[in-house]
N, C-alpha and C. Protein backbone atom coordinates (compact mmCIF):
# COMPACT_ATOMS: atom_id res chain seq x y z
N MET A 1 -115.14 23.02 175.12
CA MET A 1 -115.75 23.24 173.82
C MET A 1 -114.81 22.67 172.76
N VAL A 2 -115.36 21.85 171.91
CA VAL A 2 -114.61 21.24 170.81
C VAL A 2 -114.59 22.22 169.65
N THR A 3 -113.47 22.23 168.88
CA THR A 3 -113.39 23.15 167.75
C THR A 3 -112.86 22.44 166.51
N GLY A 4 -112.98 23.12 165.37
CA GLY A 4 -112.40 22.69 164.11
C GLY A 4 -112.73 21.27 163.69
N PRO A 5 -111.72 20.57 163.16
CA PRO A 5 -111.94 19.22 162.63
C PRO A 5 -112.51 18.25 163.68
N ALA A 6 -112.12 18.41 164.94
CA ALA A 6 -112.65 17.53 165.98
C ALA A 6 -114.16 17.69 166.13
N LEU A 7 -114.65 18.90 165.90
CA LEU A 7 -116.08 19.14 165.98
C LEU A 7 -116.81 18.36 164.90
N LEU A 8 -116.23 18.31 163.72
CA LEU A 8 -116.87 17.58 162.61
C LEU A 8 -116.86 16.06 162.80
N GLU A 9 -116.06 15.55 163.72
CA GLU A 9 -116.07 14.12 164.00
C GLU A 9 -117.40 13.68 164.60
N ARG A 10 -118.19 14.62 165.06
CA ARG A 10 -119.51 14.30 165.60
C ARG A 10 -120.50 13.97 164.47
N ILE A 11 -120.18 14.37 163.26
CA ILE A 11 -121.04 14.11 162.11
C ILE A 11 -120.58 12.80 161.47
N THR A 12 -121.50 11.85 161.38
CA THR A 12 -121.17 10.54 160.81
C THR A 12 -122.24 10.16 159.79
N VAL A 13 -121.97 9.11 159.05
CA VAL A 13 -122.98 8.52 158.17
C VAL A 13 -123.01 7.02 158.42
N ASN A 14 -124.18 6.47 158.29
CA ASN A 14 -124.37 5.03 158.41
C ASN A 14 -125.39 4.66 157.35
N PRO A 15 -125.00 3.83 156.38
CA PRO A 15 -125.94 3.48 155.31
C PRO A 15 -127.26 2.91 155.81
N LYS A 16 -127.28 2.39 157.04
CA LYS A 16 -128.50 1.79 157.60
C LYS A 16 -129.40 2.81 158.28
N ILE A 17 -128.93 4.04 158.42
CA ILE A 17 -129.73 5.07 159.09
C ILE A 17 -129.99 6.20 158.10
N PHE A 18 -131.26 6.46 157.84
CA PHE A 18 -131.69 7.54 156.93
C PHE A 18 -130.99 7.48 155.58
N GLY A 19 -130.75 6.28 155.10
CA GLY A 19 -130.17 6.10 153.77
C GLY A 19 -128.78 6.69 153.62
N GLY A 20 -128.05 6.80 154.73
CA GLY A 20 -126.69 7.31 154.67
C GLY A 20 -126.56 8.82 154.76
N LYS A 21 -127.66 9.51 155.13
CA LYS A 21 -127.57 10.96 155.32
C LYS A 21 -126.71 11.25 156.56
N PRO A 22 -126.07 12.41 156.60
CA PRO A 22 -125.27 12.76 157.78
C PRO A 22 -126.12 12.80 159.04
N ILE A 23 -125.61 12.17 160.08
CA ILE A 23 -126.30 12.10 161.37
C ILE A 23 -125.33 12.51 162.48
N LEU A 24 -125.87 12.64 163.67
CA LEU A 24 -125.04 13.03 164.81
C LEU A 24 -124.62 11.81 165.63
N ARG A 25 -123.33 11.62 165.71
CA ARG A 25 -122.71 10.60 166.56
C ARG A 25 -123.35 9.22 166.41
N GLY A 26 -123.70 8.86 165.19
CA GLY A 26 -124.25 7.54 164.94
C GLY A 26 -125.67 7.33 165.43
N ARG A 27 -126.30 8.38 165.90
CA ARG A 27 -127.67 8.28 166.43
C ARG A 27 -128.67 8.62 165.33
N ARG A 28 -129.91 8.36 165.60
CA ARG A 28 -130.98 8.61 164.63
C ARG A 28 -131.48 10.05 164.70
N LEU A 29 -130.57 10.97 164.48
CA LEU A 29 -130.92 12.38 164.37
C LEU A 29 -130.08 12.95 163.23
N ALA A 30 -130.76 13.30 162.15
CA ALA A 30 -130.06 13.80 160.96
C ALA A 30 -129.64 15.25 161.15
N VAL A 31 -128.49 15.58 160.59
CA VAL A 31 -127.99 16.95 160.60
C VAL A 31 -129.05 17.88 160.00
N GLU A 32 -129.67 17.45 158.91
CA GLU A 32 -130.67 18.32 158.27
C GLU A 32 -131.85 18.59 159.19
N HIS A 33 -132.17 17.66 160.08
CA HIS A 33 -133.28 17.86 161.01
C HIS A 33 -132.92 18.96 162.02
N VAL A 34 -131.70 18.90 162.55
CA VAL A 34 -131.26 19.93 163.49
C VAL A 34 -131.24 21.29 162.80
N LEU A 35 -130.70 21.34 161.59
CA LEU A 35 -130.66 22.61 160.85
C LEU A 35 -132.07 23.11 160.57
N GLY A 36 -132.99 22.21 160.26
CA GLY A 36 -134.37 22.59 160.02
C GLY A 36 -135.02 23.18 161.26
N MET A 37 -134.75 22.58 162.42
CA MET A 37 -135.30 23.12 163.66
C MET A 37 -134.76 24.51 163.94
N LEU A 38 -133.46 24.70 163.72
CA LEU A 38 -132.87 26.04 163.91
C LEU A 38 -133.47 27.04 162.93
N ALA A 39 -133.66 26.61 161.68
CA ALA A 39 -134.20 27.50 160.64
C ALA A 39 -135.62 27.94 160.93
N THR A 40 -136.40 27.10 161.61
CA THR A 40 -137.78 27.47 161.92
C THR A 40 -137.90 28.23 163.22
N GLY A 41 -136.75 28.53 163.85
CA GLY A 41 -136.79 29.38 165.03
C GLY A 41 -136.58 28.70 166.37
N ASP A 42 -136.40 27.38 166.36
CA ASP A 42 -136.12 26.71 167.64
C ASP A 42 -134.76 27.15 168.14
N SER A 43 -134.67 27.41 169.41
CA SER A 43 -133.39 27.79 170.00
C SER A 43 -132.57 26.52 170.27
N PRO A 44 -131.26 26.66 170.37
CA PRO A 44 -130.46 25.50 170.74
C PRO A 44 -130.91 24.88 172.06
N GLU A 45 -131.33 25.72 173.00
CA GLU A 45 -131.79 25.22 174.29
C GLU A 45 -133.03 24.34 174.13
N THR A 46 -133.96 24.76 173.27
CA THR A 46 -135.17 23.97 173.02
C THR A 46 -134.81 22.63 172.40
N ILE A 47 -133.90 22.64 171.45
CA ILE A 47 -133.47 21.40 170.79
C ILE A 47 -132.81 20.47 171.79
N LEU A 48 -131.96 21.02 172.65
CA LEU A 48 -131.28 20.21 173.65
C LEU A 48 -132.26 19.59 174.64
N LYS A 49 -133.32 20.31 174.97
CA LYS A 49 -134.34 19.76 175.87
C LYS A 49 -135.10 18.61 175.21
N GLY A 50 -135.30 18.70 173.90
CA GLY A 50 -136.02 17.66 173.18
C GLY A 50 -135.22 16.39 172.94
N TYR A 51 -133.90 16.50 173.01
CA TYR A 51 -133.01 15.36 172.79
C TYR A 51 -132.00 15.34 173.94
N PRO A 52 -132.33 14.67 175.04
CA PRO A 52 -131.49 14.72 176.24
C PRO A 52 -130.04 14.27 176.03
N TRP A 53 -129.79 13.43 175.05
CA TRP A 53 -128.43 12.94 174.80
C TRP A 53 -127.61 13.94 173.98
N LEU A 54 -128.29 14.91 173.37
CA LEU A 54 -127.62 15.88 172.51
C LEU A 54 -126.80 16.86 173.35
N GLU A 55 -125.68 17.31 172.80
CA GLU A 55 -124.79 18.26 173.48
C GLU A 55 -124.68 19.53 172.65
N PRO A 56 -124.39 20.66 173.28
CA PRO A 56 -124.25 21.91 172.52
C PRO A 56 -123.26 21.79 171.36
N ASP A 57 -122.18 21.04 171.54
CA ASP A 57 -121.21 20.87 170.46
C ASP A 57 -121.81 20.12 169.27
N ASP A 58 -122.83 19.31 169.49
CA ASP A 58 -123.50 18.63 168.37
C ASP A 58 -124.18 19.66 167.47
N ILE A 59 -124.83 20.64 168.07
CA ILE A 59 -125.50 21.68 167.29
C ILE A 59 -124.46 22.52 166.56
N ARG A 60 -123.38 22.85 167.24
CA ARG A 60 -122.30 23.60 166.60
C ARG A 60 -121.72 22.80 165.44
N ALA A 61 -121.60 21.49 165.60
CA ALA A 61 -121.07 20.65 164.52
C ALA A 61 -121.98 20.71 163.29
N CYS A 62 -123.29 20.71 163.50
CA CYS A 62 -124.23 20.81 162.39
C CYS A 62 -124.05 22.13 161.64
N LEU A 63 -123.88 23.20 162.39
CA LEU A 63 -123.70 24.52 161.76
C LEU A 63 -122.38 24.59 161.00
N LEU A 64 -121.32 24.05 161.57
CA LEU A 64 -120.03 24.04 160.88
C LEU A 64 -120.09 23.18 159.62
N TYR A 65 -120.75 22.04 159.71
CA TYR A 65 -120.91 21.16 158.56
C TYR A 65 -121.63 21.89 157.43
N ALA A 66 -122.72 22.57 157.77
CA ALA A 66 -123.49 23.31 156.76
C ALA A 66 -122.66 24.45 156.16
N ARG A 67 -121.91 25.15 156.99
CA ARG A 67 -121.08 26.25 156.49
C ARG A 67 -120.03 25.73 155.51
N ARG A 68 -119.44 24.61 155.82
CA ARG A 68 -118.44 24.06 154.92
C ARG A 68 -119.05 23.59 153.61
N LEU A 69 -120.24 23.01 153.67
CA LEU A 69 -120.90 22.60 152.43
C LEU A 69 -121.25 23.80 151.57
N VAL A 70 -121.76 24.84 152.18
CA VAL A 70 -122.12 26.05 151.44
C VAL A 70 -120.86 26.69 150.86
N GLY A 71 -119.76 26.59 151.59
CA GLY A 71 -118.49 27.15 151.12
C GLY A 71 -117.77 26.23 150.14
N HIS A 72 -118.42 25.16 149.73
CA HIS A 72 -117.89 24.20 148.77
C HIS A 72 -116.59 23.56 149.23
N GLU A 73 -116.47 23.39 150.55
CA GLU A 73 -115.31 22.68 151.07
C GLU A 73 -115.61 21.19 151.09
N ARG A 74 -114.60 20.40 150.96
CA ARG A 74 -114.78 18.94 150.98
C ARG A 74 -115.06 18.50 152.41
N VAL A 75 -116.15 17.75 152.59
CA VAL A 75 -116.53 17.24 153.89
C VAL A 75 -116.80 15.75 153.74
N GLU A 76 -116.10 14.95 154.50
CA GLU A 76 -116.29 13.49 154.45
C GLU A 76 -116.59 12.97 155.83
N PRO A 77 -117.87 12.78 156.18
CA PRO A 77 -118.20 12.24 157.49
C PRO A 77 -117.69 10.81 157.61
N ALA A 78 -117.39 10.42 158.83
CA ALA A 78 -116.96 9.06 159.09
C ALA A 78 -118.12 8.10 158.87
N ILE A 79 -117.85 6.96 158.24
CA ILE A 79 -118.88 5.94 158.02
C ILE A 79 -118.87 5.01 159.23
N THR A 80 -120.04 4.83 159.81
CA THR A 80 -120.15 3.96 160.98
C THR A 80 -121.17 2.87 160.73
N ASP A 81 -121.02 1.80 161.43
CA ASP A 81 -122.02 0.72 161.44
C ASP A 81 -122.02 0.16 162.84
N ASN A 82 -122.87 0.75 163.67
CA ASN A 82 -122.88 0.37 165.06
C ASN A 82 -123.89 -0.74 165.36
N GLY A 83 -124.21 -1.53 164.32
CA GLY A 83 -125.08 -2.67 164.52
C GLY A 83 -126.56 -2.37 164.52
N THR A 84 -126.95 -1.16 164.11
CA THR A 84 -128.37 -0.83 164.11
C THR A 84 -128.98 -1.09 162.75
């Protein structure tokens, strides 16, 4: 299980994907989408089944990212450009 700052390394931004919104590991899944699924009652297990490449630590990273934003902590996702 990944913790702390290493967990947040899973959150990235790419100006070419969703207009630079935070995404998971450079893939086309926005952090806000995962948080939205959790907020509407989807379990982490259901989300993981829907996205086979997703890992439990990705969901934890989304929650940590949201907690830090709500706590007004500075969060700077890594900018990536993986050619997409």
